[in-house]
Protein backbone atom coordinates (compact mmCIF):
# COMPACT_ATOMS: atom_id res chain seq x y z
CA UNK A 1 0.08 0.28 0.34
CA UNK A 2 1.22 3.39 -0.73
CA UNK A 3 1.32 5.26 2.22
CA UNK A 4 2.27 9.00 0.49
CA UNK A 5 -1.05 11.15 0.22
CA UNK A 6 -3.18 8.78 2.15
CA UNK A 7 -5.41 9.81 5.28
CA UNK A 8 -4.81 7.90 8.05
CA UNK A 9 -6.54 7.91 11.82
CA UNK A 10 -4.15 6.76 14.64
CA UNK A 11 -5.99 5.53 18.14
CA UNK A 12 -4.15 6.54 20.94
CA UNK A 13 -1.95 8.34 19.32
CA UNK A 14 -0.98 10.63 22.57
CA UNK A 15 1.81 8.85 23.68
CA UNK A 16 3.98 5.74 23.59
CA UNK A 17 3.44 3.30 20.29
CA UNK A 18 0.43 4.97 19.02
CA UNK A 19 2.99 8.79 18.98
CA UNK A 20 5.61 6.36 17.22
CA UNK A 21 3.03 4.92 14.91
CA UNK A 22 1.69 8.81 13.67
CA UNK A 23 4.86 9.81 13.50
CA UNK A 24 5.99 7.19 11.02
CA UNK A 25 2.66 7.60 8.73
CA UNK A 26 3.55 11.65 8.98
CA UNK A 27 7.18 10.50 7.91
CA UNK A 28 6.21 8.90 4.97
CA UNK A 29 3.72 11.72 3.61
CA UNK A 30 0.28 10.40 5.01
CA UNK A 31 -2.31 12.94 6.48
CA UNK A 32 -2.53 12.14 10.05
CA UNK A 33 -5.19 12.28 12.39
CA UNK A 34 -4.26 11.84 15.77
CA UNK A 35 -6.42 10.51 17.86
CA UNK A 36 -6.75 10.53 21.91
CA UNK A 37 -9.15 11.14 24.93
CA UNK A 38 -7.68 14.55 25.13
CA UNK A 39 -6.54 16.06 21.91
CA UNK A 40 -4.70 18.39 23.69
CA UNK A 41 -2.18 15.61 24.60
CA UNK A 42 -1.21 15.14 21.31
CA UNK A 43 2.22 17.17 20.55
CA UNK A 44 3.36 15.55 17.68
CA UNK A 45 4.15 18.31 14.95
CA UNK A 46 2.00 17.95 11.25
CA UNK A 47 -0.51 16.06 12.94
CA UNK A 48 -4.42 16.63 13.23
CA UNK A 49 -5.13 15.85 16.95
CA UNK A 50 -8.63 14.40 17.29
CA UNK A 51 -10.72 13.61 20.16
CA UNK A 52 -11.75 10.13 20.65
CA UNK A 53 -12.89 7.87 23.69
CA UNK A 54 -13.20 4.10 21.82
CA UNK A 55 -15.13 3.17 24.50
CA UNK A 56 -17.94 5.88 23.57
CA UNK A 57 -20.31 5.01 20.29
CA UNK A 58 -20.90 8.61 20.50
CA UNK A 59 -17.11 9.77 20.63
CA UNK A 60 -16.44 7.01 17.91
CA UNK A 61 -19.16 8.49 15.65
CA UNK A 62 -18.28 12.13 15.66
CA UNK A 63 -14.76 10.99 14.94
CA UNK A 64 -15.50 9.06 11.81
CA UNK A 65 -17.78 12.26 10.91
CA UNK A 66 -14.64 14.06 11.39
CA UNK A 67 -12.22 12.36 9.54
CA UNK A 68 -13.76 11.36 5.77
CA UNK A 69 -11.78 9.65 3.78
CA UNK A 70 -9.43 7.77 6.04
CA UNK A 71 -7.75 4.67 3.92
CA UNK A 72 -5.55 3.75 7.00
CA UNK A 73 -7.02 3.17 10.12
CA UNK A 74 -4.54 2.02 13.26
CA UNK A 75 -6.68 0.70 15.86
CA UNK A 76 -3.94 1.13 18.86
CA UNK A 77 -6.12 1.87 21.70
CA UNK A 78 -5.47 -0.13 24.59
CA UNK A 79 -4.86 -0.02 28.31
CA UNK A 80 -3.28 -2.54 30.50
CA UNK A 81 -4.90 -3.17 34.40
CA UNK A 82 -2.33 -5.89 35.23
CA UNK A 83 -4.98 -8.04 36.85
CA UNK A 84 -5.12 -11.40 36.68
CA UNK A 85 -8.01 -13.58 35.58
CA UNK A 86 -8.33 -14.96 38.48
CA UNK A 87 -8.58 -12.42 40.98
CA UNK A 88 -9.66 -9.16 38.32
CA UNK A 89 -11.48 -8.58 35.88
CA UNK A 90 -12.71 -11.09 33.41
CA UNK A 91 -11.12 -9.61 30.65
CA UNK A 92 -7.27 -9.88 31.58
CA UNK A 93 -4.51 -8.63 29.59
CA UNK A 94 -2.81 -11.71 27.86
CA UNK A 95 -7.08 -13.02 27.66
CA UNK A 96 -7.91 -9.72 25.50
CA UNK A 97 -4.53 -9.91 23.14
CA UNK A 98 -5.53 -13.73 22.40
CA UNK A 99 -8.67 -13.04 21.60
CA UNK A 100 -8.18 -10.01 19.96
CA UNK A 101 -5.75 -12.08 17.49
CA UNK A 102 -8.77 -14.13 16.67
CA UNK A 103 -11.05 -11.29 16.17
CA UNK A 104 -8.62 -9.70 13.46
CA UNK A 105 -8.85 -12.93 11.80
CA UNK A 106 -12.44 -13.00 11.78
CA UNK A 107 -12.60 -9.03 10.68
CA UNK A 108 -9.84 -10.04 7.81
CA UNK A 109 -12.34 -12.36 6.10
CA UNK A 110 -15.34 -10.60 6.58
CA UNK A 111 -13.69 -7.29 5.18
CA UNK A 112 -12.00 -8.84 2.60
CA UNK A 113 -15.22 -9.06 -0.04
CA UNK A 114 -15.13 -4.94 0.29
CA UNK A 115 -12.00 -4.95 -0.47
CA UNK A 116 -10.74 -3.84 2.80
CA UNK A 117 -7.29 -5.15 3.96
CA UNK A 118 -6.51 -5.60 7.64
CA UNK A 119 -2.99 -6.09 8.96
CA UNK A 120 -2.68 -7.17 12.45
CA UNK A 121 0.64 -6.49 14.32
CA UNK A 122 1.98 -9.13 17.04
CA UNK A 123 4.83 -8.04 19.96
CA UNK A 124 5.60 -8.39 22.99
CA UNK A 125 6.44 -5.52 25.55
CA UNK A 126 7.61 -2.57 24.38
CA UNK A 127 9.30 0.37 26.12
CA UNK A 128 6.12 2.31 27.10
CA UNK A 129 4.19 3.94 29.96
CA UNK A 130 2.00 0.59 29.93
CA UNK A 131 4.53 -1.73 30.38
CA UNK A 132 6.88 0.49 32.98
CA UNK A 133 6.27 -2.08 35.68
CA UNK A 134 7.39 -4.90 33.72
CA UNK A 135 10.96 -5.88 34.32
CA UNK A 136 11.20 -8.01 30.79
CA UNK A 137 13.03 -7.51 27.77
CA UNK A 138 11.12 -4.84 25.74
CA UNK A 139 11.50 -3.49 22.16
CA UNK A 140 11.91 0.26 21.37
CA UNK A 141 8.40 1.28 20.40
CA UNK A 142 9.84 3.48 17.19
CA UNK A 143 11.36 0.30 15.66
CA UNK A 144 8.61 -1.29 16.28
CA UNK A 145 6.18 1.55 14.55
CA UNK A 146 8.83 1.10 11.59
CA UNK A 147 8.52 -2.29 11.25
CA UNK A 148 4.75 -2.08 11.45
CA UNK A 149 4.33 0.66 8.51
CA UNK A 150 7.12 -1.24 6.05
CA UNK A 151 4.79 -3.96 6.67
CA UNK A 152 1.40 -2.11 5.71
CA UNK A 153 3.46 -0.94 3.11
CA UNK A 154 4.18 -4.27 2.05
CA UNK A 155 0.56 -5.78 2.21
CA UNK A 156 1.44 -8.04 5.05
CA UNK A 157 -1.37 -9.66 6.67
CA UNK A 158 0.07 -10.31 9.99
CA UNK A 159 3.56 -8.86 11.09
CA UNK A 160 5.01 -10.41 13.78
CA UNK A 161 7.85 -8.08 14.93
CA UNK A 162 9.59 -9.11 18.09
CA UNK A 163 11.25 -12.45 19.27
CA UNK A 164 8.84 -12.78 21.53
CA UNK A 165 6.02 -12.86 19.15
CA UNK A 166 7.65 -15.13 17.15
CA UNK A 167 8.24 -17.45 19.76
CA UNK A 168 4.29 -17.75 20.31
CA UNK A 169 3.44 -17.97 16.88
CA UNK A 170 6.05 -21.05 16.76
CA UNK A 171 4.28 -22.59 19.91
CA UNK A 172 1.06 -22.43 18.59
CA UNK A 173 1.47 -25.34 16.58
CA UNK A 174 2.60 -27.24 19.52
CA UNK A 175 -0.28 -26.82 21.74
CA UNK A 176 -0.30 -26.17 25.80
CA UNK A 177 2.91 -28.04 25.62
CA UNK A 178 4.76 -25.83 23.35
CA UNK A 179 3.49 -22.42 24.93
CA UNK A 180 3.39 -23.17 28.61
CA UNK A 181 6.12 -26.01 29.18
CA UNK A 182 5.96 -25.26 32.94
CA UNK A 183 2.35 -26.32 33.30
CA UNK A 184 2.05 -29.07 30.44
């Protein structure tokens, strides 16, 4: 996909990974709407801040109406409570990511008939505010943003961006034993 001249909307673009994605798209010649709950928090030169709370249908409708002609939508909005499935809310972060992977594949199939291409990005921890409490190795979000936009430009359906995600993908064919040897 040619990025230059396309209109892009990036959710969660006020900080972290979303900010890097918006910057990559801007640098490659896209017209970029940088969405955040608080658009005043968007401080990236050359992008257009827009208010968007993805949990509010009215906000989603207003943002869609204000950003006509979007050819690239980056659904980057996210949060992490760190809660476990046993002691926290039922939609724990890891479980939500696995469900999102399946949802993305279902959307890819459903939207293909209308010519909409869906690209998914899989990555482990990135060095952002969301993972500041994690002591595991983390990827540089600027590097992952570059890898992601390279993949979109190349027409990749799925981008497995780091070693952690490559290991998980390889482990999927091994079942529980391949993914979680400590409990198998």
